[in-house]
Amino acid sequence: MHSAVTISALEAGKHVFCQARMSMDLAEAEEMLAASKRYPELVTMLCPPPFGLRGDLMVKKILAENYVGRPHHVRLQSFTSNYLDPGAPAHWRQKIEISGLNTLTLGIYVEVLHRWLDDITGVFARGKIIHPIREGYEVIIPDLLTVLCSFENGAEGVLEFSGINALAQGDRLEIYGSAGTMTYDFNSDVIQAGKLGDRALHVVDLPPELEGEWRVEEDFLAAVKSKGRVRPYPTFEDGVRYMRVVQAVADSRARNEWVAIKR
């Protein structure tokens, strides 16, 4: 629905704020981007991920200051028990005709990883459906997903997603580099870091001037009022970047092979 509504709105001369994830698949995302370029006078914006918003600037600062050195290993876990009950009806996120190729929290965290690290350039993905039939509906979106990936900066990643993990502890990112380690707890927005030689990670203080807050609607309205002087984030280009990964993960699962991601 996002693609059809977005393109129709742009053709009608309307600014567009689109909820995430951007689209059903990469082809729709590219159509939306192409339409936005035909109407450069109109503001287009995607809803950003709330995950990591509070500590976003601090994470960028830590990485920009080379605190962990060159990142070489990235580990992300996003676990819930939302789909553990086999008797529950299929959630709309489990219905491919509504949610498209988006799987669990893959797309939202790919956007976060792109923002903090670099673009993902290739993936190998495996998924599994634990409860394939829900009240007569055949689920084909995986209940759990594991993605091996490579980043443009040379780092390798392991991304794990699940909706069937009982007593799951939430979502966490670990970045291991040549000079140290940084972790982010997405449930508490607590950042920890440590250098080689430290005995343990320490909690990183988050000063008020670096603390992010939800300003999405304000940012969109400000961009509209600016008449082109302000371009809000995330852009449709950002959306196409993460939809390339979502598409590649689906293709990798279907073909059981490594899929390179081309820009």
C-alpha atoms as a PDB file:
ATOM      1  CA  MET A   1       0.000   0.000   0.000  1.00  0.00           C
ATOM      2  CA  HIS A   2       2.842   2.450   0.787  1.00  0.00           C
ATOM      3  CA  SER A   3       4.016   2.546  -2.815  1.00  0.00           C
ATOM      4  CA  ALA A   4       0.626   3.159  -4.425  1.00  0.00           C
ATOM      5  CA  VAL A   5      -0.422   5.793  -1.888  1.00  0.00           C
ATOM      6  CA  THR A   6       2.947   7.571  -1.995  1.00  0.00           C
ATOM      7  CA  ILE A   7       3.082   7.789  -5.778  1.00  0.00           C
ATOM      8  CA  SER A   8      -0.544   8.934  -6.003  1.00  0.00           C
ATOM      9  CA  ALA A   9       0.054  11.594  -3.348  1.00  0.00           C
ATOM     10  CA  LEU A  10       3.133  12.942  -5.118  1.00  0.00           C
ATOM     11  CA  GLU A  11       1.287  13.054  -8.430  1.00  0.00           C
ATOM     12  CA  ALA A  12      -1.416  15.058  -6.643  1.00  0.00           C
ATOM     13  CA  GLY A  13       1.179  17.568  -5.408  1.00  0.00           C
ATOM     14  CA  LYS A  14       1.234  16.422  -1.783  1.00  0.00           C
ATOM     15  CA  HIS A  15       4.176  16.133   0.584  1.00  0.00           C
ATOM     16  CA  VAL A  16       4.635  12.563   1.865  1.00  0.00           C
ATOM     17  CA  PHE A  17       5.501  11.168   5.282  1.00  0.00           C
ATOM     18  CA  CYS A  18       5.666   7.387   4.942  1.00  0.00           C
ATOM     19  CA  GLN A  19       5.602   4.951   7.818  1.00  0.00           C
ATOM     20  CA  ALA A  20       8.315   2.309   7.968  1.00  0.00           C
ATOM     21  CA  ARG A  21       9.215  -0.096   6.643  1.00  0.00           C
ATOM     22  CA  MET A  22       9.259   1.639   3.312  1.00  0.00           C
ATOM     23  CA  SER A  23       7.623  -0.925   1.034  1.00  0.00           C
ATOM     24  CA  MET A  24       6.743  -4.542   0.295  1.00  0.00           C
ATOM     25  CA  ASP A  25       9.959  -5.181  -1.629  1.00  0.00           C
ATOM     26  CA  LEU A  26      12.881  -3.469  -3.358  1.00  0.00           C
ATOM     27  CA  ALA A  27      11.034  -2.904  -6.629  1.00  0.00           C
ATOM     28  CA  GLU A  28       8.343  -0.864  -4.872  1.00  0.00           C
ATOM     29  CA  ALA A  29      10.957   1.123  -2.951  1.00  0.00           C
ATOM     30  CA  GLU A  30      12.750   2.018  -6.174  1.00  0.00           C
ATOM     31  CA  GLU A  31       9.458   3.099  -7.749  1.00  0.00           C
ATOM     32  CA  MET A  32       8.787   5.369  -4.771  1.00  0.00           C
ATOM     33  CA  LEU A  33      12.261   6.899  -4.983  1.00  0.00           C
ATOM     34  CA  ALA A  34      11.902   7.480  -8.726  1.00  0.00           C
ATOM     35  CA  ALA A  35       8.551   9.194  -8.161  1.00  0.00           C
ATOM     36  CA  SER A  36      10.034  11.453  -5.469  1.00  0.00           C
ATOM     37  CA  LYS A  37      12.753  12.550  -7.887  1.00  0.00           C
ATOM     38  CA  ARG A  38      10.112  13.580 -10.403  1.00  0.00           C
ATOM     39  CA  TYR A  39       8.738  16.017  -7.813  1.00  0.00           C
ATOM     40  CA  PRO A  40      11.822  17.496  -6.096  1.00  0.00           C
ATOM     41  CA  GLU A  41       9.797  20.456  -4.815  1.00  0.00           C
ATOM     42  CA  LEU A  42       7.828  18.092  -2.548  1.00  0.00           C
ATOM     43  CA  VAL A  43       9.072  16.808   0.805  1.00  0.00           C
ATOM     44  CA  THR A  44       9.369  13.051   1.217  1.00  0.00           C
ATOM     45  CA  MET A  45      10.362  11.439   4.501  1.00  0.00           C
ATOM     46  CA  LEU A  46      10.301   7.984   6.062  1.00  0.00           C
ATOM     47  CA  CYS A  47       9.571   7.312   9.709  1.00  0.00           C
ATOM     48  CA  PRO A  48      12.925   6.645  11.417  1.00  0.00           C
ATOM     49  CA  PRO A  49      13.508   3.729  13.787  1.00  0.00           C
ATOM     50  CA  PRO A  50      12.966   4.585  17.457  1.00  0.00           C
ATOM     51  CA  PHE A  51      15.560   1.978  18.420  1.00  0.00           C
ATOM     52  CA  GLY A  52      18.827   3.629  19.396  1.00  0.00           C
ATOM     53  CA  LEU A  53      17.431   7.126  18.963  1.00  0.00           C
ATOM     54  CA  ARG A  54      18.350   8.281  22.464  1.00  0.00           C
ATOM     55  CA  GLY A  55      22.015   7.302  22.153  1.00  0.00           C
ATOM     56  CA  ASP A  56      22.429   7.857  18.419  1.00  0.00           C
ATOM     57  CA  LEU A  57      24.760  10.861  18.595  1.00  0.00           C
ATOM     58  CA  MET A  58      26.915   9.255  21.293  1.00  0.00           C
ATOM     59  CA  VAL A  59      27.357   6.064  19.275  1.00  0.00           C
ATOM     60  CA  LYS A  60      28.346   8.106  16.235  1.00  0.00           C
ATOM     61  CA  LYS A  61      30.797  10.089  18.378  1.00  0.00           C
ATOM     62  CA  ILE A  62      32.415   6.936  19.810  1.00  0.00           C
ATOM     63  CA  LEU A  63      32.853   5.422  16.366  1.00  0.00           C
ATOM     64  CA  ALA A  64      33.993   8.696  14.751  1.00  0.00           C
ATOM     65  CA  GLU A  65      36.660   9.137  17.430  1.00  0.00           C
ATOM     66  CA  ASN A  66      37.968   5.660  16.585  1.00  0.00           C
ATOM     67  CA  TYR A  67      37.443   4.495  20.175  1.00  0.00           C
ATOM     68  CA  VAL A  68      36.970   0.851  19.174  1.00  0.00           C
ATOM     69  CA  GLY A  69      39.391   1.103  16.275  1.00  0.00           C
ATOM     70  CA  ARG A  70      38.449  -0.531  13.006  1.00  0.00           C
ATOM     71  CA  PRO A  71      35.212  -2.519  13.489  1.00  0.00           C
ATOM     72  CA  HIS A  72      35.702  -6.134  12.480  1.00  0.00           C
ATOM     73  CA  HIS A  73      32.831  -8.038  14.108  1.00  0.00           C
ATOM     74  CA  VAL A  74      29.220  -6.979  14.607  1.00  0.00           C
ATOM     75  CA  ARG A  75      26.649  -9.002  16.532  1.00  0.00           C
ATOM     76  CA  LEU A  76      22.976  -8.081  16.792  1.00  0.00           C
ATOM     77  CA  GLN A  77      20.251  -9.931  18.673  1.00  0.00           C
ATOM     78  CA  SER A  78      16.561  -9.046  18.540  1.00  0.00           C
ATOM     79  CA  PHE A  79      14.489 -11.612  20.422  1.00  0.00           C
ATOM     80  CA  THR A  80      10.848 -11.626  21.559  1.00  0.00           C
ATOM     81  CA  SER A  81       8.242 -14.252  22.417  1.00  0.00           C
ATOM     82  CA  ASN A  82       5.468 -12.535  20.451  1.00  0.00           C
ATOM     83  CA  TYR A  83       4.817 -15.529  18.176  1.00  0.00           C
ATOM     84  CA  LEU A  84       5.405 -18.322  20.672  1.00  0.00           C
ATOM     85  CA  ASP A  85       1.716 -19.177  21.160  1.00  0.00           C
ATOM     86  CA  PRO A  86       0.746 -21.659  18.390  1.00  0.00           C
ATOM     87  CA  GLY A  87      -2.937 -20.963  18.996  1.00  0.00           C
ATOM     88  CA  ALA A  88      -2.715 -17.234  18.353  1.00  0.00           C
ATOM     89  CA  PRO A  89      -3.954 -15.885  15.008  1.00  0.00           C
ATOM     90  CA  ALA A  90      -1.396 -14.664  12.516  1.00  0.00           C
ATOM     91  CA  HIS A  91      -0.256 -11.119  13.276  1.00  0.00           C
ATOM     92  CA  TRP A  92      -0.352  -8.723  10.346  1.00  0.00           C
ATOM     93  CA  ARG A  93       3.447  -8.692  10.357  1.00  0.00           C
ATOM     94  CA  GLN A  94       3.293 -12.430   9.631  1.00  0.00           C
ATOM     95  CA  LYS A  95       1.133 -11.911   6.548  1.00  0.00           C
ATOM     96  CA  ILE A  96       3.267 -11.442   3.452  1.00  0.00           C
ATOM     97  CA  GLU A  97       0.402  -9.857   1.501  1.00  0.00           C
ATOM     98  CA  ILE A  98       0.409  -7.040   4.081  1.00  0.00           C
ATOM     99  CA  SER A  99       4.001  -6.876   5.343  1.00  0.00           C
ATOM    100  CA  GLY A 100       5.804  -7.911   2.176  1.00  0.00           C
ATOM    101  CA  LEU A 101       9.316  -9.307   2.497  1.00  0.00           C
ATOM    102  CA  ASN A 102       9.913  -7.592   5.840  1.00  0.00           C
ATOM    103  CA  THR A 103      10.787 -10.192   8.471  1.00  0.00           C
ATOM    104  CA  LEU A 104      10.569  -9.552  12.217  1.00  0.00           C
ATOM    105  CA  THR A 105      12.776  -6.522  13.038  1.00  0.00           C
ATOM    106  CA  LEU A 106      15.262  -7.041  10.187  1.00  0.00           C
ATOM    107  CA  GLY A 107      14.524  -3.846   8.273  1.00  0.00           C
ATOM    108  CA  ILE A 108      14.438  -1.534  11.267  1.00  0.00           C
ATOM    109  CA  TYR A 109      17.799  -2.758  12.549  1.00  0.00           C
ATOM    110  CA  VAL A 110      19.435  -2.704   9.127  1.00  0.00           C
ATOM    111  CA  GLU A 111      18.578   0.995   9.051  1.00  0.00           C
ATOM    112  CA  VAL A 112      20.239   1.446  12.457  1.00  0.00           C
ATOM    113  CA  LEU A 113      23.335  -0.488  11.350  1.00  0.00           C
ATOM    114  CA  HIS A 114      23.623   1.565   8.166  1.00  0.00           C
ATOM    115  CA  ARG A 115      23.417   4.736  10.238  1.00  0.00           C
ATOM    116  CA  TRP A 116      26.141   3.708  12.693  1.00  0.00           C
ATOM    117  CA  LEU A 117      28.466   1.515  10.673  1.00  0.00           C
ATOM    118  CA  ASP A 118      28.291   1.221   6.922  1.00  0.00           C
ATOM    119  CA  ASP A 119      26.214  -0.326   4.183  1.00  0.00           C
ATOM    120  CA  ILE A 120      25.760  -4.095   4.153  1.00  0.00           C
ATOM    121  CA  THR A 121      27.224  -5.475   0.931  1.00  0.00           C
ATOM    122  CA  GLY A 122      26.234  -9.142   1.053  1.00  0.00           C
ATOM    123  CA  VAL A 123      24.171 -11.640   3.033  1.00  0.00           C
ATOM    124  CA  PHE A 124      23.558 -15.311   3.629  1.00  0.00           C
ATOM    125  CA  ALA A 125      20.286 -15.931   5.436  1.00  0.00           C
ATOM    126  CA  ARG A 126      18.426 -18.838   6.961  1.00  0.00           C
ATOM    127  CA  GLY A 127      14.923 -18.740   8.382  1.00  0.00           C
ATOM    128  CA  LYS A 128      12.533 -21.161  10.028  1.00  0.00           C
ATOM    129  CA  ILE A 129       8.782 -21.211  10.534  1.00  0.00           C
ATOM    130  CA  ILE A 130       7.910 -22.861  13.833  1.00  0.00           C
ATOM    131  CA  HIS A 131       4.120 -22.549  13.595  1.00  0.00           C
ATOM    132  CA  PRO A 132       3.214 -22.672   9.868  1.00  0.00           C
ATOM    133  CA  ILE A 133      -0.583 -22.718  10.291  1.00  0.00           C
ATOM    134  CA  ARG A 134      -2.430 -20.161  12.401  1.00  0.00           C
ATOM    135  CA  GLU A 135      -6.215 -20.465  12.431  1.00  0.00           C
ATOM    136  CA  GLY A 136      -6.140 -21.822   8.889  1.00  0.00           C
ATOM    137  CA  TYR A 137      -3.728 -19.163   7.601  1.00  0.00           C
ATOM    138  CA  GLU A 138      -0.461 -20.460   6.107  1.00  0.00           C
ATOM    139  CA  VAL A 139       2.455 -18.415   7.435  1.00  0.00           C
ATOM    140  CA  ILE A 140       5.451 -18.125   5.106  1.00  0.00           C
ATOM    141  CA  ILE A 141       7.334 -15.354   6.933  1.00  0.00           C
ATOM    142  CA  PRO A 142       9.920 -16.959   9.268  1.00  0.00           C
ATOM    143  CA  ASP A 143       9.470 -17.040  13.033  1.00  0.00           C
ATOM    144  CA  LEU A 144      13.234 -16.873  13.388  1.00  0.00           C
ATOM    145  CA  LEU A 145      15.936 -15.541  11.094  1.00  0.00           C
ATOM    146  CA  THR A 146      19.730 -15.658  11.092  1.00  0.00           C
ATOM    147  CA  VAL A 147      21.760 -13.465   8.742  1.00  0.00           C
ATOM    148  CA  LEU A 148      25.488 -13.559   8.084  1.00  0.00           C
ATOM    149  CA  CYS A 149      26.551 -10.309   6.458  1.00  0.00           C
ATOM    150  CA  SER A 150      29.493  -8.254   5.254  1.00  0.00           C
ATOM    151  CA  PHE A 151      29.795  -4.488   5.634  1.00  0.00           C
ATOM    152  CA  GLU A 152      31.402  -2.053   3.228  1.00  0.00           C
ATOM    153  CA  ASN A 153      33.937  -1.098   5.917  1.00  0.00           C
ATOM    154  CA  GLY A 154      35.209  -4.688   6.055  1.00  0.00           C
ATOM    155  CA  ALA A 155      33.376  -5.835   9.179  1.00  0.00           C
ATOM    156  CA  GLU A 156      31.560  -9.154   9.326  1.00  0.00           C
ATOM    157  CA  GLY A 157      28.223  -9.475  11.086  1.00  0.00           C
ATOM    158  CA  VAL A 158      25.858 -11.997  12.630  1.00  0.00           C
ATOM    159  CA  LEU A 159      22.278 -10.774  12.934  1.00  0.00           C
ATOM    160  CA  GLU A 160      19.751 -12.896  14.840  1.00  0.00           C
ATOM    161  CA  PHE A 161      16.013 -12.270  14.959  1.00  0.00           C
ATOM    162  CA  SER A 162      13.305 -14.309  16.643  1.00  0.00           C
ATOM    163  CA  GLY A 163       9.685 -14.046  17.662  1.00  0.00           C
ATOM    164  CA  ILE A 164       9.580 -17.403  19.453  1.00  0.00           C
ATOM    165  CA  ASN A 165      12.174 -17.004  22.229  1.00  0.00           C
ATOM    166  CA  ALA A 166      10.611 -17.490  25.655  1.00  0.00           C
ATOM    167  CA  LEU A 167      11.848 -15.116  28.376  1.00  0.00           C
ATOM    168  CA  ALA A 168      13.847 -13.220  25.777  1.00  0.00           C
ATOM    169  CA  GLN A 169      16.099 -10.533  27.235  1.00  0.00           C
ATOM    170  CA  GLY A 170      15.494  -7.964  24.522  1.00  0.00           C
ATOM    171  CA  ASP A 171      17.640  -6.389  21.828  1.00  0.00           C
ATOM    172  CA  ARG A 172      21.377  -5.812  21.914  1.00  0.00           C
ATOM    173  CA  LEU A 173      24.182  -4.759  19.576  1.00  0.00           C
ATOM    174  CA  GLU A 174      27.858  -5.570  20.048  1.00  0.00           C
ATOM    175  CA  ILE A 175      30.620  -3.964  17.974  1.00  0.00           C
ATOM    176  CA  TYR A 176      34.106  -5.426  18.300  1.00  0.00           C
ATOM    177  CA  GLY A 177      36.999  -3.477  16.842  1.00  0.00           C
ATOM    178  CA  SER A 178      40.767  -3.509  16.623  1.00  0.00           C
ATOM    179  CA  ALA A 179      41.094  -1.261  19.697  1.00  0.00           C
ATOM    180  CA  GLY A 180      38.050  -2.028  21.819  1.00  0.00           C
ATOM    181  CA  THR A 181      34.381  -2.922  22.146  1.00  0.00           C
ATOM    182  CA  MET A 182      31.085  -1.070  22.312  1.00  0.00           C
ATOM    183  CA  THR A 183      27.641  -2.445  23.166  1.00  0.00           C
ATOM    184  CA  TYR A 184      24.160  -0.946  22.990  1.00  0.00           C
ATOM    185  CA  ASP A 185      21.162  -2.213  24.954  1.00  0.00           C
ATOM    186  CA  PHE A 186      18.131  -1.101  22.962  1.00  0.00           C
ATOM    187  CA  ASN A 187      15.722  -1.741  25.829  1.00  0.00           C
ATOM    188  CA  SER A 188      17.485   0.562  28.292  1.00  0.00           C
ATOM    189  CA  ASP A 189      19.478   2.750  25.858  1.00  0.00           C
ATOM    190  CA  VAL A 190      22.579   1.955  27.909  1.00  0.00           C
ATOM    191  CA  ILE A 191      25.880   2.172  26.036  1.00  0.00           C
ATOM    192  CA  GLN A 192      28.940   0.357  27.334  1.00  0.00           C
ATOM    193  CA  ALA A 193      32.463   0.546  25.976  1.00  0.00           C
ATOM    194  CA  GLY A 194      35.976  -0.557  26.756  1.00  0.00           C
ATOM    195  CA  LYS A 195      39.500  -0.377  25.391  1.00  0.00           C
ATOM    196  CA  LEU A 196      42.014  -3.161  24.960  1.00  0.00           C
ATOM    197  CA  GLY A 197      43.600  -3.662  28.370  1.00  0.00           C
ATOM    198  CA  ASP A 198      40.496  -2.682  30.334  1.00  0.00           C
ATOM    199  CA  ARG A 199      39.240  -5.295  32.780  1.00  0.00           C
ATOM    200  CA  ALA A 200      35.597  -4.779  31.831  1.00  0.00           C
ATOM    201  CA  LEU A 201      33.236  -2.603  29.851  1.00  0.00           C
ATOM    202  CA  HIS A 202      32.056   0.606  31.507  1.00  0.00           C
ATOM    203  CA  VAL A 203      28.791   2.497  31.121  1.00  0.00           C
ATOM    204  CA  VAL A 204      29.169   5.551  28.897  1.00  0.00           C
ATOM    205  CA  ASP A 205      27.636   8.729  30.325  1.00  0.00           C
ATOM    206  CA  LEU A 206      25.151  10.365  27.979  1.00  0.00           C
ATOM    207  CA  PRO A 207      25.281  14.174  28.339  1.00  0.00           C
ATOM    208  CA  PRO A 208      22.050  16.081  27.700  1.00  0.00           C
ATOM    209  CA  GLU A 209      23.433  17.770  24.583  1.00  0.00           C
ATOM    210  CA  LEU A 210      23.960  14.363  22.952  1.00  0.00           C
ATOM    211  CA  GLU A 211      20.691  12.804  24.064  1.00  0.00           C
ATOM    212  CA  GLY A 212      18.311  12.206  21.193  1.00  0.00           C
ATOM    213  CA  GLU A 213      14.549  12.572  21.388  1.00  0.00           C
ATOM    214  CA  TRP A 214      11.550  11.862  19.186  1.00  0.00           C
ATOM    215  CA  ARG A 215      11.038  14.856  16.887  1.00  0.00           C
ATOM    216  CA  VAL A 216       9.846  13.073  13.781  1.00  0.00           C
ATOM    217  CA  GLU A 217       6.602  14.924  13.197  1.00  0.00           C
ATOM    218  CA  GLU A 218       8.273  18.258  14.007  1.00  0.00           C
ATOM    219  CA  ASP A 219      11.093  17.523  11.571  1.00  0.00           C
ATOM    220  CA  PHE A 220       8.664  16.719   8.767  1.00  0.00           C
ATOM    221  CA  LEU A 221       6.579  19.851   9.316  1.00  0.00           C
ATOM    222  CA  ALA A 222       9.718  21.990   9.564  1.00  0.00           C
ATOM    223  CA  ALA A 223      10.919  20.610   6.236  1.00  0.00           C
ATOM    224  CA  VAL A 224       7.584  21.389   4.594  1.00  0.00           C
ATOM    225  CA  LYS A 225       7.620  24.941   5.965  1.00  0.00           C
ATOM    226  CA  SER A 226      11.224  25.470   4.842  1.00  0.00           C
ATOM    227  CA  LYS A 227      10.176  25.166   1.173  1.00  0.00           C
ATOM    228  CA  GLY A 228      13.129  22.996   0.225  1.00  0.00           C
ATOM    229  CA  ARG A 229      15.813  24.456   2.483  1.00  0.00           C
ATOM    230  CA  VAL A 230      15.639  21.521   4.926  1.00  0.00           C
ATOM    231  CA  ARG A 231      15.749  17.872   3.931  1.00  0.00           C
ATOM    232  CA  PRO A 232      14.451  15.558   6.652  1.00  0.00           C
ATOM    233  CA  TYR A 233      15.913  12.190   7.590  1.00  0.00           C
ATOM    234  CA  PRO A 234      15.393   9.364   6.721  1.00  0.00           C
ATOM    235  CA  THR A 235      15.194   9.994   2.997  1.00  0.00           C
ATOM    236  CA  PHE A 236      13.737   7.698   0.368  1.00  0.00           C
ATOM    237  CA  GLU A 237      17.342   6.955  -0.610  1.00  0.00           C
ATOM    238  CA  ASP A 238      17.915   5.652   2.926  1.00  0.00           C
ATOM    239  CA  GLY A 239      14.839   3.478   2.571  1.00  0.00           C
ATOM    240  CA  VAL A 240      16.039   1.973  -0.692  1.00  0.00           C
ATOM    241  CA  ARG A 241      19.346   1.153   1.009  1.00  0.00           C
ATOM    242  CA  TYR A 242      17.710  -0.932   3.725  1.00  0.00           C
ATOM    243  CA  MET A 243      15.171  -2.444   1.324  1.00  0.00           C
ATOM    244  CA  ARG A 244      18.085  -3.740  -0.754  1.00  0.00           C
ATOM    245  CA  VAL A 245      19.123  -5.755   2.293  1.00  0.00           C
ATOM    246  CA  VAL A 246      15.567  -6.926   3.031  1.00  0.00           C
ATOM    247  CA  GLN A 247      15.270  -8.103  -0.582  1.00  0.00           C
ATOM    248  CA  ALA A 248      18.686  -9.784  -0.518  1.00  0.00           C
ATOM    249  CA  VAL A 249      17.821 -11.648   2.691  1.00  0.00           C
ATOM    250  CA  ALA A 250      14.615 -12.977   1.119  1.00  0.00           C
ATOM    251  CA  ASP A 251      16.499 -13.965  -2.043  1.00  0.00           C
ATOM    252  CA  SER A 252      19.226 -15.670  -0.023  1.00  0.00           C
ATOM    253  CA  ARG A 253      16.706 -17.707   1.951  1.00  0.00           C
ATOM    254  CA  ALA A 254      14.908 -18.726  -1.225  1.00  0.00           C
ATOM    255  CA  ARG A 255      18.089 -19.756  -3.066  1.00  0.00           C
ATOM    256  CA  ASN A 256      20.119 -20.916  -0.053  1.00  0.00           C
ATOM    257  CA  GLU A 257      23.153 -18.957  -1.231  1.00  0.00           C
ATOM    258  CA  TRP A 258      25.210 -15.842  -0.590  1.00  0.00           C
ATOM    259  CA  VAL A 259      23.689 -12.767  -2.236  1.00  0.00           C
ATOM    260  CA  ALA A 260      25.812  -9.729  -3.051  1.00  0.00           C
ATOM    261  CA  ILE A 261      24.057  -6.380  -2.720  1.00  0.00           C
ATOM    262  CA  LYS A 262      24.596  -3.966  -5.575  1.00  0.00           C
ATOM    263  CA  ARG A 263      23.934  -0.254  -5.349  1.00  0.00           C
END
